[in-house]
Amino acid sequence: MVYYNGTAADGENIVSCVGMILGTVRGSMPYMRDMGIPGDVLGKNTPEAADAYVDEASEQVEMWDERVMVGEIEVKQDGEGKLQARVVLEDVEQY
């Protein structure tokens, strides 16, 4: 889940855009092959994959949406053993 903890009027658009970025498998978006999270990170359920997701998500938000930055990412297993991420976005101007 993506949460926006800022003040911009287009907060819903920010959440939608970042959600699309983080939900895309890198290489699958025509004309934007560098956008998204690598499939081997999204498909794994290991501590290493969780760490890689945090790094990749932060880099992707910085690269593709200049309106916000990642304030916090929490990754945990859901009841089915899959990794679930909680990404909190902050306004860039705050930092």
PDB file of N, CA and C in Angstrom:
ATOM      1  N   MET A   1       0.841  -1.178   0.000  1.00  0.00           N
ATOM      2  CA  MET A   1       0.000   0.000   0.000  1.00  0.00           C
ATOM      3  C   MET A   1       0.882   1.236   0.000  1.00  0.00           C
ATOM      4  N   VAL A   2       0.414   2.237  -0.704  1.00  0.00           N
ATOM      5  CA  VAL A   2       1.110   3.511  -0.774  1.00  0.00           C
ATOM      6  C   VAL A   2       0.269   4.551  -0.043  1.00  0.00           C
ATOM      7  N   TYR A   3       0.926   5.292   0.837  1.00  0.00           N
ATOM      8  CA  TYR A   3       0.263   6.351   1.600  1.00  0.00           C
ATOM      9  C   TYR A   3       0.989   7.658   1.355  1.00  0.00           C
ATOM     10  N   TYR A   4       0.232   8.729   1.260  1.00  0.00           N
ATOM     11  CA  TYR A   4       0.810  10.051   1.059  1.00  0.00           C
ATOM     12  C   TYR A   4       0.598  10.875   2.312  1.00  0.00           C
ATOM     13  N   ASN A   5       1.692  11.354   2.885  1.00  0.00           N
ATOM     14  CA  ASN A   5       1.652  12.111   4.121  1.00  0.00           C
ATOM     15  C   ASN A   5       2.072  13.554   3.839  1.00  0.00           C
ATOM     16  N   GLY A   6       1.499  14.132   2.797  1.00  0.00           N
ATOM     17  CA  GLY A   6       1.873  15.479   2.400  1.00  0.00           C
ATOM     18  C   GLY A   6       0.665  16.372   2.255  1.00  0.00           C
ATOM     19  N   THR A   7       0.878  17.519   1.623  1.00  0.00           N
ATOM     20  CA  THR A   7      -0.175  18.527   1.551  1.00  0.00           C
ATOM     21  C   THR A   7      -0.589  18.898   0.131  1.00  0.00           C
ATOM     22  N   ALA A   8      -0.019  18.286  -0.874  1.00  0.00           N
ATOM     23  CA  ALA A   8      -0.347  18.648  -2.259  1.00  0.00           C
ATOM     24  C   ALA A   8      -1.793  18.305  -2.588  1.00  0.00           C
ATOM     25  N   ALA A   9      -2.412  19.160  -3.377  1.00  0.00           N
ATOM     26  CA  ALA A   9      -3.802  18.951  -3.769  1.00  0.00           C
ATOM     27  C   ALA A   9      -3.976  17.696  -4.622  1.00  0.00           C
ATOM     28  N   ASP A  10      -2.920  17.288  -5.320  1.00  0.00           N
ATOM     29  CA  ASP A  10      -3.012  16.112  -6.186  1.00  0.00           C
ATOM     30  C   ASP A  10      -2.508  14.846  -5.489  1.00  0.00           C
ATOM     31  N   GLY A  11      -2.759  14.734  -4.197  1.00  0.00           N
ATOM     32  CA  GLY A  11      -2.313  13.589  -3.414  1.00  0.00           C
ATOM     33  C   GLY A  11      -2.808  12.258  -3.934  1.00  0.00           C
ATOM     34  N   GLU A  12      -4.058  12.205  -4.395  1.00  0.00           N
ATOM     35  CA  GLU A  12      -4.597  10.956  -4.940  1.00  0.00           C
ATOM     36  C   GLU A  12      -3.846  10.541  -6.197  1.00  0.00           C
ATOM     37  N   ASN A  13      -3.491  11.520  -7.031  1.00  0.00           N
ATOM     38  CA  ASN A  13      -2.722  11.235  -8.239  1.00  0.00           C
ATOM     39  C   ASN A  13      -1.328  10.742  -7.881  1.00  0.00           C
ATOM     40  N   ILE A  14      -0.717  11.325  -6.874  1.00  0.00           N
ATOM     41  CA  ILE A  14       0.605  10.889  -6.428  1.00  0.00           C
ATOM     42  C   ILE A  14       0.558   9.433  -5.990  1.00  0.00           C
ATOM     43  N   VAL A  15      -0.418   9.081  -5.171  1.00  0.00           N
ATOM     44  CA  VAL A  15      -0.557   7.701  -4.693  1.00  0.00           C
ATOM     45  C   VAL A  15      -0.775   6.750  -5.866  1.00  0.00           C
ATOM     46  N   SER A  16      -1.600   7.152  -6.800  1.00  0.00           N
ATOM     47  CA  SER A  16      -1.873   6.323  -7.973  1.00  0.00           C
ATOM     48  C   SER A  16      -0.616   6.112  -8.815  1.00  0.00           C
ATOM     49  N   CYS A  17       0.105   7.181  -9.081  1.00  0.00           N
ATOM     50  CA  CYS A  17       1.310   7.096  -9.914  1.00  0.00           C
ATOM     51  C   CYS A  17       2.390   6.246  -9.245  1.00  0.00           C
ATOM     52  N   VAL A  18       2.637   6.494  -7.973  1.00  0.00           N
ATOM     53  CA  VAL A  18       3.671   5.730  -7.272  1.00  0.00           C
ATOM     54  C   VAL A  18       3.241   4.269  -7.142  1.00  0.00           C
ATOM     55  N   GLY A  19       1.963   4.016  -6.916  1.00  0.00           N
ATOM     56  CA  GLY A  19       1.471   2.646  -6.868  1.00  0.00           C
ATOM     57  C   GLY A  19       1.714   1.910  -8.173  1.00  0.00           C
ATOM     58  N   MET A  20       1.522   2.617  -9.291  1.00  0.00           N
ATOM     59  CA  MET A  20       1.781   2.005 -10.595  1.00  0.00           C
ATOM     60  C   MET A  20       3.269   1.724 -10.766  1.00  0.00           C
ATOM     61  N   ILE A  21       4.115   2.670 -10.366  1.00  0.00           N
ATOM     62  CA  ILE A  21       5.565   2.483 -10.480  1.00  0.00           C
ATOM     63  C   ILE A  21       6.005   1.254  -9.686  1.00  0.00           C
ATOM     64  N   LEU A  22       5.556   1.162  -8.445  1.00  0.00           N
ATOM     65  CA  LEU A  22       6.004   0.089  -7.568  1.00  0.00           C
ATOM     66  C   LEU A  22       5.335  -1.245  -7.863  1.00  0.00           C
ATOM     67  N   GLY A  23       4.232  -1.226  -8.581  1.00  0.00           N
ATOM     68  CA  GLY A  23       3.548  -2.461  -8.950  1.00  0.00           C
ATOM     69  C   GLY A  23       3.924  -2.990 -10.320  1.00  0.00           C
ATOM     70  N   THR A  24       4.807  -2.279 -11.009  1.00  0.00           N
ATOM     71  CA  THR A  24       5.232  -2.675 -12.352  1.00  0.00           C
ATOM     72  C   THR A  24       6.509  -3.500 -12.268  1.00  0.00           C
ATOM     73  N   VAL A  25       6.540  -4.591 -13.014  1.00  0.00           N
ATOM     74  CA  VAL A  25       7.760  -5.385 -13.120  1.00  0.00           C
ATOM     75  C   VAL A  25       8.690  -4.673 -14.097  1.00  0.00           C
ATOM     76  N   ARG A  26       9.909  -4.398 -13.643  1.00  0.00           N
ATOM     77  CA  ARG A  26      10.860  -3.684 -14.495  1.00  0.00           C
ATOM     78  C   ARG A  26      11.046  -4.422 -15.816  1.00  0.00           C
ATOM     79  N   GLY A  27      11.004  -3.647 -16.890  1.00  0.00           N
ATOM     80  CA  GLY A  27      11.172  -4.201 -18.229  1.00  0.00           C
ATOM     81  C   GLY A  27       9.865  -4.488 -18.935  1.00  0.00           C
ATOM     82  N   SER A  28       8.746  -4.402 -18.233  1.00  0.00           N
ATOM     83  CA  SER A  28       7.460  -4.754 -18.839  1.00  0.00           C
ATOM     84  C   SER A  28       6.714  -3.555 -19.412  1.00  0.00           C
ATOM     85  N   MET A  29       7.152  -2.342 -19.137  1.00  0.00           N
ATOM     86  CA  MET A  29       6.464  -1.139 -19.603  1.00  0.00           C
ATOM     87  C   MET A  29       7.121  -0.659 -20.903  1.00  0.00           C
ATOM     88  N   PRO A  30       6.396  -0.726 -22.025  1.00  0.00           N
ATOM     89  CA  PRO A  30       6.975  -0.259 -23.288  1.00  0.00           C
ATOM     90  C   PRO A  30       7.416   1.200 -23.174  1.00  0.00           C
ATOM     91  N   TYR A  31       8.558   1.494 -23.744  1.00  0.00           N
ATOM     92  CA  TYR A  31       9.141   2.840 -23.795  1.00  0.00           C
ATOM     93  C   TYR A  31       9.629   3.338 -22.440  1.00  0.00           C
ATOM     94  N   MET A  32       9.438   2.578 -21.376  1.00  0.00           N
ATOM     95  CA  MET A  32       9.964   2.939 -20.054  1.00  0.00           C
ATOM     96  C   MET A  32      10.493   1.665 -19.388  1.00  0.00           C
ATOM     97  N   ARG A  33      11.434   1.027 -20.022  1.00  0.00           N
ATOM     98  CA  ARG A  33      11.939  -0.277 -19.569  1.00  0.00           C
ATOM     99  C   ARG A  33      12.658  -0.206 -18.223  1.00  0.00           C
ATOM    100  N   ASP A  34      13.085   0.986 -17.809  1.00  0.00           N
ATOM    101  CA  ASP A  34      13.775   1.126 -16.528  1.00  0.00           C
ATOM    102  C   ASP A  34      12.822   1.353 -15.362  1.00  0.00           C
ATOM    103  N   MET A  35      11.528   1.447 -15.629  1.00  0.00           N
ATOM    104  CA  MET A  35      10.560   1.719 -14.568  1.00  0.00           C
ATOM    105  C   MET A  35      10.097   0.418 -13.926  1.00  0.00           C
ATOM    106  N   GLY A  36      10.026   0.419 -12.601  1.00  0.00           N
ATOM    107  CA  GLY A  36       9.464  -0.712 -11.877  1.00  0.00           C
ATOM    108  C   GLY A  36      10.479  -1.438 -11.024  1.00  0.00           C
ATOM    109  N   ILE A  37       9.994  -2.467 -10.384  1.00  0.00           N
ATOM    110  CA  ILE A  37      10.784  -3.289  -9.475  1.00  0.00           C
ATOM    111  C   ILE A  37      11.163  -4.579 -10.202  1.00  0.00           C
ATOM    112  N   PRO A  38      12.410  -5.015 -10.104  1.00  0.00           N
ATOM    113  CA  PRO A  38      12.802  -6.259 -10.780  1.00  0.00           C
ATOM    114  C   PRO A  38      11.920  -7.437 -10.355  1.00  0.00           C
ATOM    115  N   GLY A  39      11.595  -8.284 -11.302  1.00  0.00           N
ATOM    116  CA  GLY A  39      10.723  -9.425 -11.038  1.00  0.00           C
ATOM    117  C   GLY A  39      11.273 -10.376  -9.997  1.00  0.00           C
ATOM    118  N   ASP A  40      12.604 -10.524  -9.945  1.00  0.00           N
ATOM    119  CA  ASP A  40      13.168 -11.437  -8.954  1.00  0.00           C
ATOM    120  C   ASP A  40      13.016 -10.892  -7.535  1.00  0.00           C
ATOM    121  N   VAL A  41      12.860  -9.597  -7.383  1.00  0.00           N
ATOM    122  CA  VAL A  41      12.607  -9.009  -6.063  1.00  0.00           C
ATOM    123  C   VAL A  41      11.137  -9.179  -5.697  1.00  0.00           C
ATOM    124  N   LEU A  42      10.244  -8.925  -6.657  1.00  0.00           N
ATOM    125  CA  LEU A  42       8.816  -9.032  -6.386  1.00  0.00           C
ATOM    126  C   LEU A  42       8.378 -10.469  -6.126  1.00  0.00           C
ATOM    127  N   GLY A  43       9.060 -11.420  -6.715  1.00  0.00           N
ATOM    128  CA  GLY A  43       8.639 -12.813  -6.611  1.00  0.00           C
ATOM    129  C   GLY A  43       9.248 -13.590  -5.469  1.00  0.00           C
ATOM    130  N   LYS A  44      10.059 -12.971  -4.646  1.00  0.00           N
ATOM    131  CA  LYS A  44      10.746 -13.680  -3.558  1.00  0.00           C
ATOM    132  C   LYS A  44      10.158 -13.316  -2.204  1.00  0.00           C
ATOM    133  N   ASN A  45      10.367 -14.196  -1.262  1.00  0.00           N
ATOM    134  CA  ASN A  45       9.913 -13.969   0.106  1.00  0.00           C
ATOM    135  C   ASN A  45      11.070 -14.264   1.054  1.00  0.00           C
ATOM    136  N   THR A  46      12.088 -13.426   0.978  1.00  0.00           N
ATOM    137  CA  THR A  46      13.267 -13.596   1.812  1.00  0.00           C
ATOM    138  C   THR A  46      13.655 -12.249   2.421  1.00  0.00           C
ATOM    139  N   PRO A  47      14.448 -12.274   3.472  1.00  0.00           N
ATOM    140  CA  PRO A  47      14.933 -10.996   4.014  1.00  0.00           C
ATOM    141  C   PRO A  47      15.736 -10.198   2.985  1.00  0.00           C
ATOM    142  N   GLU A  48      16.478 -10.891   2.139  1.00  0.00           N
ATOM    143  CA  GLU A  48      17.257 -10.219   1.102  1.00  0.00           C
ATOM    144  C   GLU A  48      16.343  -9.520   0.101  1.00  0.00           C
ATOM    145  N   ALA A  49      15.235 -10.169  -0.267  1.00  0.00           N
ATOM    146  CA  ALA A  49      14.270  -9.569  -1.189  1.00  0.00           C
ATOM    147  C   ALA A  49      13.601  -8.362  -0.550  1.00  0.00           C
ATOM    148  N   ALA A  50      13.317  -8.438   0.734  1.00  0.00           N
ATOM    149  CA  ALA A  50      12.717  -7.293   1.432  1.00  0.00           C
ATOM    150  C   ALA A  50      13.672  -6.113   1.429  1.00  0.00           C
ATOM    151  N   ASP A  51      14.947  -6.357   1.703  1.00  0.00           N
ATOM    152  CA  ASP A  51      15.945  -5.286   1.662  1.00  0.00           C
ATOM    153  C   ASP A  51      16.085  -4.712   0.260  1.00  0.00           C
ATOM    154  N   ALA A  52      16.100  -5.592  -0.734  1.00  0.00           N
ATOM    155  CA  ALA A  52      16.214  -5.135  -2.123  1.00  0.00           C
ATOM    156  C   ALA A  52      14.994  -4.316  -2.521  1.00  0.00           C
ATOM    157  N   TYR A  53      13.817  -4.714  -2.048  1.00  0.00           N
ATOM    158  CA  TYR A  53      12.602  -3.955  -2.361  1.00  0.00           C
ATOM    159  C   TYR A  53      12.694  -2.538  -1.805  1.00  0.00           C
ATOM    160  N   VAL A  54      13.162  -2.395  -0.578  1.00  0.00           N
ATOM    161  CA  VAL A  54      13.288  -1.064   0.030  1.00  0.00           C
ATOM    162  C   VAL A  54      14.220  -0.201  -0.812  1.00  0.00           C
ATOM    163  N   ASP A  55      15.365  -0.749  -1.210  1.00  0.00           N
ATOM    164  CA  ASP A  55      16.312   0.005  -2.034  1.00  0.00           C
ATOM    165  C   ASP A  55      15.714   0.369  -3.385  1.00  0.00           C
ATOM    166  N   GLU A  56      15.122  -0.604  -4.044  1.00  0.00           N
ATOM    167  CA  GLU A  56      14.556  -0.380  -5.380  1.00  0.00           C
ATOM    168  C   GLU A  56      13.394   0.611  -5.336  1.00  0.00           C
ATOM    169  N   ALA A  57      12.514   0.468  -4.357  1.00  0.00           N
ATOM    170  CA  ALA A  57      11.351   1.358  -4.264  1.00  0.00           C
ATOM    171  C   ALA A  57      11.798   2.799  -4.053  1.00  0.00           C
ATOM    172  N   SER A  58      12.758   3.004  -3.181  1.00  0.00           N
ATOM    173  CA  SER A  58      13.259   4.360  -2.942  1.00  0.00           C
ATOM    174  C   SER A  58      13.855   4.958  -4.211  1.00  0.00           C
ATOM    175  N   GLU A  59      14.659   4.176  -4.915  1.00  0.00           N
ATOM    176  CA  GLU A  59      15.273   4.656  -6.158  1.00  0.00           C
ATOM    177  C   GLU A  59      14.230   4.950  -7.224  1.00  0.00           C
ATOM    178  N   GLN A  60      13.240   4.096  -7.345  1.00  0.00           N
ATOM    179  CA  GLN A  60      12.224   4.275  -8.376  1.00  0.00           C
ATOM    180  C   GLN A  60      11.369   5.516  -8.120  1.00  0.00           C
ATOM    181  N   VAL A  61      10.994   5.748  -6.884  1.00  0.00           N
ATOM    182  CA  VAL A  61      10.208   6.949  -6.573  1.00  0.00           C
ATOM    183  C   VAL A  61      11.034   8.193  -6.879  1.00  0.00           C
ATOM    184  N   GLU A  62      12.302   8.179  -6.486  1.00  0.00           N
ATOM    185  CA  GLU A  62      13.173   9.329  -6.761  1.00  0.00           C
ATOM    186  C   GLU A  62      13.330   9.555  -8.263  1.00  0.00           C
ATOM    187  N   MET A  63      13.423   8.477  -9.028  1.00  0.00           N
ATOM    188  CA  MET A  63      13.641   8.586 -10.465  1.00  0.00           C
ATOM    189  C   MET A  63      12.393   9.052 -11.220  1.00  0.00           C
ATOM    190  N   TRP A  64      11.217   8.566 -10.834  1.00  0.00           N
ATOM    191  CA  TRP A  64      10.032   8.744 -11.656  1.00  0.00           C
ATOM    192  C   TRP A  64       9.013   9.743 -11.133  1.00  0.00           C
ATOM    193  N   ASP A  65       9.087  10.163  -9.897  1.00  0.00           N
ATOM    194  CA  ASP A  65       8.106  11.135  -9.397  1.00  0.00           C
ATOM    195  C   ASP A  65       8.803  12.174  -8.527  1.00  0.00           C
ATOM    196  N   GLU A  66       9.100  13.305  -9.121  1.00  0.00           N
ATOM    197  CA  GLU A  66       9.866  14.345  -8.429  1.00  0.00           C
ATOM    198  C   GLU A  66       9.051  15.115  -7.396  1.00  0.00           C
ATOM    199  N   ARG A  67       7.762  14.843  -7.301  1.00  0.00           N
ATOM    200  CA  ARG A  67       6.910  15.560  -6.349  1.00  0.00           C
ATOM    201  C   ARG A  67       7.089  15.090  -4.921  1.00  0.00           C
ATOM    202  N   VAL A  68       7.528  13.835  -4.751  1.00  0.00           N
ATOM    203  CA  VAL A  68       7.601  13.237  -3.415  1.00  0.00           C
ATOM    204  C   VAL A  68       8.898  12.460  -3.228  1.00  0.00           C
ATOM    205  N   MET A  69       9.126  12.094  -1.985  1.00  0.00           N
ATOM    206  CA  MET A  69      10.208  11.176  -1.656  1.00  0.00           C
ATOM    207  C   MET A  69       9.678  10.153  -0.649  1.00  0.00           C
ATOM    208  N   VAL A  70      10.369   9.049  -0.549  1.00  0.00           N
ATOM    209  CA  VAL A  70       9.953   8.004   0.380  1.00  0.00           C
ATOM    210  C   VAL A  70      10.346   8.423   1.789  1.00  0.00           C
ATOM    211  N   GLY A  71       9.382   8.448   2.672  1.00  0.00           N
ATOM    212  CA  GLY A  71       9.637   8.741   4.068  1.00  0.00           C
ATOM    213  C   GLY A  71       9.906   7.494   4.873  1.00  0.00           C
ATOM    214  N   GLU A  72       9.187   6.417   4.525  1.00  0.00           N
ATOM    215  CA  GLU A  72       9.302   5.165   5.279  1.00  0.00           C
ATOM    216  C   GLU A  72       8.800   4.017   4.423  1.00  0.00           C
ATOM    217  N   ILE A  73       9.446   2.874   4.548  1.00  0.00           N
ATOM    218  CA  ILE A  73       8.963   1.641   3.915  1.00  0.00           C
ATOM    219  C   ILE A  73       9.026   0.534   4.957  1.00  0.00           C
ATOM    220  N   GLU A  74       7.900  -0.124   5.133  1.00  0.00           N
ATOM    221  CA  GLU A  74       7.820  -1.267   6.042  1.00  0.00           C
ATOM    222  C   GLU A  74       7.434  -2.484   5.213  1.00  0.00           C
ATOM    223  N   VAL A  75       8.233  -3.529   5.281  1.00  0.00           N
ATOM    224  CA  VAL A  75       7.966  -4.753   4.532  1.00  0.00           C
ATOM    225  C   VAL A  75       7.774  -5.883   5.535  1.00  0.00           C
ATOM    226  N   LYS A  76       6.672  -6.632   5.361  1.00  0.00           N
ATOM    227  CA  LYS A  76       6.413  -7.776   6.239  1.00  0.00           C
ATOM    228  C   LYS A  76       5.691  -8.852   5.443  1.00  0.00           C
ATOM    229  N   GLN A  77       5.615 -10.042   6.015  1.00  0.00           N
ATOM    230  CA  GLN A  77       4.898 -11.151   5.380  1.00  0.00           C
ATOM    231  C   GLN A  77       3.423 -11.056   5.710  1.00  0.00           C
ATOM    232  N   ASP A  78       2.604 -11.360   4.718  1.00  0.00           N
ATOM    233  CA  ASP A  78       1.176 -11.447   5.004  1.00  0.00           C
ATOM    234  C   ASP A  78       0.864 -12.880   5.453  1.00  0.00           C
ATOM    235  N   GLY A  79      -0.385 -13.172   5.670  1.00  0.00           N
ATOM    236  CA  GLY A  79      -0.793 -14.497   6.140  1.00  0.00           C
ATOM    237  C   GLY A  79      -0.504 -15.624   5.170  1.00  0.00           C
ATOM    238  N   GLU A  80      -0.303 -15.300   3.901  1.00  0.00           N
ATOM    239  CA  GLU A  80      -0.032 -16.317   2.883  1.00  0.00           C
ATOM    240  C   GLU A  80       1.458 -16.455   2.586  1.00  0.00           C
ATOM    241  N   GLY A  81       2.298 -15.784   3.368  1.00  0.00           N
ATOM    242  CA  GLY A  81       3.734 -15.889   3.175  1.00  0.00           C
ATOM    243  C   GLY A  81       4.297 -14.996   2.096  1.00  0.00           C
ATOM    244  N   LYS A  82       3.520 -14.055   1.603  1.00  0.00           N
ATOM    245  CA  LYS A  82       3.998 -13.118   0.588  1.00  0.00           C
ATOM    246  C   LYS A  82       4.446 -11.827   1.267  1.00  0.00           C
ATOM    247  N   LEU A  83       5.402 -11.155   0.646  1.00  0.00           N
ATOM    248  CA  LEU A  83       5.854  -9.879   1.180  1.00  0.00           C
ATOM    249  C   LEU A  83       4.853  -8.787   0.841  1.00  0.00           C
ATOM    250  N   GLN A  84       4.530  -7.980   1.820  1.00  0.00           N
ATOM    251  CA  GLN A  84       3.641  -6.833   1.649  1.00  0.00           C
ATOM    252  C   GLN A  84       4.394  -5.587   2.091  1.00  0.00           C
ATOM    253  N   ALA A  85       4.292  -4.540   1.304  1.00  0.00           N
ATOM    254  CA  ALA A  85       5.014  -3.314   1.629  1.00  0.00           C
ATOM    255  C   ALA A  85       4.037  -2.193   1.953  1.00  0.00           C
ATOM    256  N   ARG A  86       4.425  -1.382   2.912  1.00  0.00           N
ATOM    257  CA  ARG A  86       3.714  -0.152   3.260  1.00  0.00           C
ATOM    258  C   ARG A  86       4.691   0.982   2.983  1.00  0.00           C
ATOM    259  N   VAL A  87       4.386   1.786   1.972  1.00  0.00           N
ATOM    260  CA  VAL A  87       5.275   2.863   1.534  1.00  0.00           C
ATOM    261  C   VAL A  87       4.618   4.189   1.895  1.00  0.00           C
ATOM    262  N   VAL A  88       5.318   5.001   2.675  1.00  0.00           N
ATOM    263  CA  VAL A  88       4.812   6.307   3.076  1.00  0.00           C
ATOM    264  C   VAL A  88       5.611   7.374   2.334  1.00  0.00           C
ATOM    265  N   LEU A  89       4.892   8.242   1.636  1.00  0.00           N
ATOM    266  CA  LEU A  89       5.516   9.304   0.850  1.00  0.00           C
ATOM    267  C   LEU A  89       5.407  10.639   1.564  1.00  0.00           C
ATOM    268  N   GLU A  90       6.422  11.453   1.409  1.00  0.00           N
ATOM    269  CA  GLU A  90       6.461  12.786   1.989  1.00  0.00           C
ATOM    270  C   GLU A  90       6.703  13.802   0.878  1.00  0.00           C
ATOM    271  N   ASP A  91       6.270  15.041   1.096  1.00  0.00           N
ATOM    272  CA  ASP A  91       6.577  16.107   0.150  1.00  0.00           C
ATOM    273  C   ASP A  91       8.072  16.352   0.117  1.00  0.00           C
ATOM    274  N   VAL A  92       8.613  16.609  -1.057  1.00  0.00           N
ATOM    275  CA  VAL A  92      10.034  16.872  -1.209  1.00  0.00           C
ATOM    276  C   VAL A  92      10.437  18.126  -0.456  1.00  0.00           C
ATOM    277  N   GLU A  93       9.601  19.143  -0.441  1.00  0.00           N
ATOM    278  CA  GLU A  93       9.931  20.418   0.192  1.00  0.00           C
ATOM    279  C   GLU A  93      10.181  20.313   1.686  1.00  0.00           C
ATOM    280  N   GLN A  94       9.732  19.250   2.316  1.00  0.00           N
ATOM    281  CA  GLN A  94       9.899  19.083   3.751  1.00  0.00           C
ATOM    282  C   GLN A  94      11.341  18.794   4.134  1.00  0.00           C
ATOM    283  N   TYR A  95      12.172  18.420   3.182  1.00  0.00           N
ATOM    284  CA  TYR A  95      13.535  18.016   3.508  1.00  0.00           C
ATOM    285  C   TYR A  95      14.545  18.933   2.907  1.00  0.00           C
TER     286      TYR A  95
END
